[in-house]
Amino acid sequence: MGAMVSTTIVQGAEVTDFPTITPEAARGRVLRITEVGEDVLHRPCRPVTEFGTDELRTLVDDMFATMLIAEGVGLAANQVDVDLKLFVYDLSTDDGVRYVGHVCNPVIEVLGEETEEVEEGCLSVPGPGTDLFRPLHVRLTGSDIDGNTISTEAHGYLARCFQHETDHLNGRLYIDLISKRTRKRLLKDMVALRPDVLDRRAEVTAGHGKEPVTYPDQPFV
């Protein structure tokens, strides 16, 4: 997680004594992360319409566990083959703030014209990354799993994460936002890097005492 954490904000509220591994990740089971080329990643997801269900709580737990072992900072439901507008996140910024949470039916509003170019990668494109411009300042609105309204302003890294995950739920990957030539190179790199990435996921899964998952021998593209 890079930066030394001095403050933790969970679902928009500052908390004290928050564990390194979220309670959700500790409870959850690891799911297979879908990969570029699978249909569920390339079409908009269905809105969440039933809140407060055990199914939704279990899904959030499992998504946090899957994100933990993949060493990611955000994960969308269609990345675990679930057709629902829901994502989870757990990241730390350079100023020592850790942000943890989930959101259903997210909507992004861009605030201001400033953009930032930063390297971006994706758990569904295992391995490579590339520089990508995104708006620097956004507002995220949506609901939590109990149906309570969420409205959060985000800058920089957090804003980028929110945009990346919301894009997923609208059927768009970050490689859809780059040139065809760069995309072609990234997919070629992915094929080469993927075995090491999957080995690392298996190693971390075992390290956390979780049940392993099986990936196809070859990618979908």
Protein backbone atom coordinates (compact mmCIF):
# COMPACT_ATOMS: atom_id res chain seq x y z
CA MET A 1 0.00 0.00 0.00
CA GLY A 2 2.97 2.33 -0.31
CA ALA A 3 2.27 5.39 1.80
CA MET A 4 2.24 5.24 5.61
CA VAL A 5 -1.42 5.45 6.63
CA SER A 6 -2.30 8.15 9.15
CA THR A 7 -6.05 8.39 8.52
CA THR A 8 -8.60 5.80 7.38
CA ILE A 9 -11.91 6.81 5.79
CA VAL A 10 -14.52 4.06 5.45
CA GLN A 11 -17.66 4.83 3.44
CA GLY A 12 -16.82 8.53 3.69
CA ALA A 13 -16.37 8.63 7.49
CA GLU A 14 -13.08 8.71 9.39
CA VAL A 15 -12.51 5.68 11.65
CA THR A 16 -9.86 4.71 14.19
CA ASP A 17 -8.09 1.36 14.68
CA PHE A 18 -9.09 -0.02 11.30
CA PRO A 19 -7.44 -3.40 10.50
CA THR A 20 -4.95 -3.79 7.65
CA ILE A 21 -7.16 -6.53 6.18
CA THR A 22 -10.76 -5.35 5.99
CA PRO A 23 -13.39 -7.40 7.86
CA GLU A 24 -15.04 -8.02 4.47
CA ALA A 25 -11.85 -9.48 2.98
CA ALA A 26 -11.32 -11.64 6.08
CA ARG A 27 -14.84 -13.09 5.73
CA GLY A 28 -14.96 -13.36 1.95
CA ARG A 29 -13.94 -16.08 -0.46
CA VAL A 30 -11.75 -15.53 -3.49
CA LEU A 31 -13.47 -15.49 -6.89
CA ARG A 32 -11.97 -15.78 -10.38
CA ILE A 33 -11.35 -12.37 -11.95
CA THR A 34 -12.86 -12.10 -15.41
CA GLU A 35 -10.54 -11.07 -18.22
CA VAL A 36 -10.71 -8.87 -21.30
CA GLY A 37 -12.67 -10.69 -24.01
CA GLU A 38 -15.34 -12.07 -21.64
CA ASP A 39 -18.80 -10.74 -22.51
CA VAL A 40 -19.70 -9.60 -18.99
CA LEU A 41 -16.91 -6.99 -19.14
CA HIS A 42 -18.00 -5.49 -22.44
CA ARG A 43 -21.61 -4.48 -21.79
CA PRO A 44 -23.30 -2.29 -19.17
CA CYS A 45 -24.26 -4.01 -15.91
CA ARG A 46 -27.76 -4.10 -14.41
CA PRO A 47 -28.55 -1.59 -11.64
CA VAL A 48 -28.78 -2.88 -8.08
CA THR A 49 -32.49 -2.79 -7.19
CA GLU A 50 -32.65 -4.95 -4.04
CA PHE A 51 -30.72 -3.57 -1.08
CA GLY A 52 -29.89 -5.00 2.33
CA THR A 53 -29.82 -8.62 1.15
CA ASP A 54 -27.51 -11.35 2.37
CA GLU A 55 -26.54 -11.98 -1.26
CA LEU A 56 -25.32 -8.41 -1.65
CA ARG A 57 -23.36 -8.52 1.63
CA THR A 58 -21.73 -11.82 0.62
CA LEU A 59 -20.84 -10.41 -2.78
CA VAL A 60 -19.15 -7.37 -1.20
CA ASP A 61 -17.19 -9.66 1.18
CA ASP A 62 -16.09 -11.86 -1.72
CA MET A 63 -15.10 -8.85 -3.84
CA PHE A 64 -12.95 -7.44 -1.02
CA ALA A 65 -11.27 -10.85 -0.59
CA THR A 66 -10.66 -11.13 -4.34
CA MET A 67 -9.27 -7.59 -4.51
CA LEU A 68 -6.97 -8.32 -1.55
CA ILE A 69 -5.33 -11.39 -3.07
CA ALA A 70 -5.02 -9.71 -6.48
CA GLU A 71 -3.32 -6.76 -4.73
CA GLY A 72 -5.71 -4.33 -6.41
CA VAL A 73 -7.19 -1.04 -5.23
CA GLY A 74 -10.62 -1.37 -6.84
CA LEU A 75 -12.83 -4.13 -8.21
CA ALA A 76 -16.13 -4.05 -10.08
CA ALA A 77 -18.80 -6.76 -9.83
CA ASN A 78 -18.48 -7.76 -13.49
CA GLN A 79 -14.81 -8.48 -12.76
CA VAL A 80 -16.07 -11.43 -10.67
CA ASP A 81 -18.67 -12.37 -13.31
CA VAL A 82 -21.63 -10.70 -11.58
CA ASP A 83 -23.87 -8.49 -13.70
CA LEU A 84 -24.54 -5.74 -11.14
CA LYS A 85 -23.54 -2.07 -10.82
CA LEU A 86 -21.39 -2.38 -7.72
CA PHE A 87 -17.72 -1.80 -6.98
CA VAL A 88 -15.41 -1.94 -3.97
CA TYR A 89 -12.20 -0.03 -3.28
CA ASP A 90 -9.31 0.05 -0.80
CA LEU A 91 -6.45 2.41 -1.56
CA SER A 92 -3.98 4.71 0.15
CA THR A 93 -2.95 8.09 -1.23
CA ASP A 94 0.49 9.68 -1.03
CA ASP A 95 -0.67 11.94 1.81
CA GLY A 96 -1.28 8.91 4.06
CA VAL A 97 -5.07 8.61 3.79
CA ARG A 98 -6.61 5.17 3.26
CA TYR A 99 -10.01 5.07 1.59
CA VAL A 100 -12.17 1.93 1.92
CA GLY A 101 -15.70 1.35 0.72
CA HIS A 102 -18.23 0.13 -1.78
CA VAL A 103 -20.85 1.81 -3.94
CA CYS A 104 -23.90 0.58 -5.84
CA ASN A 105 -25.15 2.28 -9.01
CA PRO A 106 -22.27 4.77 -9.18
CA VAL A 107 -22.51 7.95 -11.23
CA ILE A 108 -19.49 10.17 -11.91
CA GLU A 109 -19.75 13.94 -12.29
CA VAL A 110 -16.57 15.69 -13.48
CA LEU A 111 -15.77 18.83 -11.45
CA GLY A 112 -13.51 21.30 -13.24
CA GLU A 113 -11.46 20.91 -16.39
CA GLU A 114 -8.12 19.82 -14.91
CA THR A 115 -6.80 16.42 -16.01
CA GLU A 116 -3.85 14.26 -14.99
CA GLU A 117 -1.88 11.63 -16.90
CA VAL A 118 -0.91 8.66 -14.73
CA GLU A 119 -0.13 5.01 -15.46
CA GLU A 120 -3.19 2.83 -15.14
CA GLY A 121 -3.60 -0.94 -15.12
CA CYS A 122 -6.46 -3.38 -14.63
CA LEU A 123 -6.90 -6.72 -12.87
CA SER A 124 -8.89 -7.90 -15.91
CA VAL A 125 -5.90 -7.13 -18.16
CA PRO A 126 -3.34 -8.94 -15.98
CA GLY A 127 0.17 -7.54 -16.17
CA PRO A 128 0.71 -4.39 -18.23
CA GLY A 129 -0.29 -0.76 -17.74
CA THR A 130 -0.09 2.50 -19.68
CA ASP A 131 -0.39 6.24 -19.11
CA LEU A 132 -3.93 7.61 -19.39
CA PHE A 133 -5.43 11.08 -18.96
CA ARG A 134 -8.41 11.36 -16.60
CA PRO A 135 -10.21 14.26 -14.89
CA LEU A 136 -8.50 15.18 -11.62
CA HIS A 137 -11.61 16.07 -9.58
CA VAL A 138 -14.96 14.25 -9.59
CA ARG A 139 -18.06 13.69 -7.52
CA LEU A 140 -19.24 10.10 -7.05
CA THR A 141 -22.89 9.49 -6.20
CA GLY A 142 -24.71 6.19 -5.61
CA SER A 143 -25.93 4.03 -2.74
CA ASP A 144 -24.46 1.67 -0.18
CA ILE A 145 -25.67 -1.94 0.10
CA ASP A 146 -28.44 -0.85 2.48
CA GLY A 147 -29.73 1.71 -0.01
CA ASN A 148 -28.38 4.80 1.77
CA THR A 149 -27.28 7.63 -0.51
CA ILE A 150 -23.56 8.16 -1.10
CA SER A 151 -22.06 11.42 -2.37
CA THR A 152 -18.28 11.82 -2.28
CA GLU A 153 -15.88 14.32 -3.86
CA ALA A 154 -12.57 12.81 -4.89
CA HIS A 155 -9.26 14.14 -6.23
CA GLY A 156 -6.30 12.50 -7.93
CA TYR A 157 -5.75 8.79 -7.27
CA LEU A 158 -9.13 8.26 -5.58
CA ALA A 159 -10.92 10.07 -8.42
CA ARG A 160 -9.09 7.90 -10.95
CA CYS A 161 -10.11 4.73 -9.12
CA PHE A 162 -13.76 5.84 -9.00
CA GLN A 163 -13.73 6.62 -12.73
CA HIS A 164 -11.98 3.35 -13.65
CA GLU A 165 -14.45 1.20 -11.68
CA THR A 166 -17.54 3.11 -12.85
CA ASP A 167 -16.32 2.67 -16.43
CA HIS A 168 -16.20 -1.11 -15.79
CA LEU A 169 -19.84 -1.12 -14.78
CA ASN A 170 -20.72 0.70 -17.99
CA GLY A 171 -18.94 -1.98 -20.04
CA ARG A 172 -15.75 -0.04 -20.69
CA LEU A 173 -12.16 -1.01 -19.86
CA TYR A 174 -9.27 1.43 -19.67
CA ILE A 175 -7.78 -0.13 -22.81
CA ASP A 176 -10.88 1.10 -24.67
CA LEU A 177 -9.67 4.67 -24.00
CA ILE A 178 -6.26 4.36 -25.67
CA SER A 179 -5.02 4.15 -29.25
CA LYS A 180 -5.45 0.89 -31.19
CA ARG A 181 -1.69 0.54 -31.48
CA THR A 182 -1.11 0.88 -27.73
CA ARG A 183 -4.02 -1.47 -27.03
CA LYS A 184 -2.55 -4.10 -29.36
CA ARG A 185 0.84 -3.83 -27.59
CA LEU A 186 -0.77 -4.09 -24.15
CA LEU A 187 -2.71 -7.23 -25.07
CA LYS A 188 0.47 -8.80 -26.42
CA ASP A 189 2.28 -7.90 -23.18
CA MET A 190 -0.63 -9.32 -21.18
CA VAL A 191 -0.25 -12.74 -22.81
CA ALA A 192 3.44 -12.77 -21.79
CA LEU A 193 2.93 -11.45 -18.24
CA ARG A 194 -0.30 -13.25 -17.33
CA PRO A 195 1.24 -16.54 -16.07
CA ASP A 196 3.38 -14.71 -13.49
CA VAL A 197 0.40 -12.60 -12.39
CA LEU A 198 -1.76 -15.69 -11.88
CA ASP A 199 1.05 -17.46 -10.00
CA ARG A 200 1.32 -14.45 -7.69
CA ARG A 201 -2.44 -14.47 -7.06
CA ALA A 202 -2.29 -18.17 -6.17
CA GLU A 203 0.61 -17.52 -3.78
CA VAL A 204 -1.19 -14.67 -2.01
CA THR A 205 -4.44 -16.68 -1.86
CA ALA A 206 -2.58 -19.48 -0.06
CA GLY A 207 -0.84 -16.97 2.20
CA HIS A 208 -4.22 -15.72 3.41
CA GLY A 209 -5.54 -19.25 3.89
CA LYS A 210 -8.20 -18.86 1.22
CA GLU A 211 -9.50 -21.51 -1.17
CA PRO A 212 -7.74 -21.25 -4.56
CA VAL A 213 -9.51 -20.52 -7.84
CA THR A 214 -8.76 -21.88 -11.30
CA TYR A 215 -8.06 -19.75 -14.37
CA PRO A 216 -8.21 -20.85 -18.01
CA ASP A 217 -4.86 -21.81 -19.51
CA GLN A 218 -5.18 -19.15 -22.21
CA PRO A 219 -6.59 -15.61 -22.12
CA PHE A 220 -9.85 -14.80 -23.91
CA VAL A 221 -8.24 -12.52 -26.51
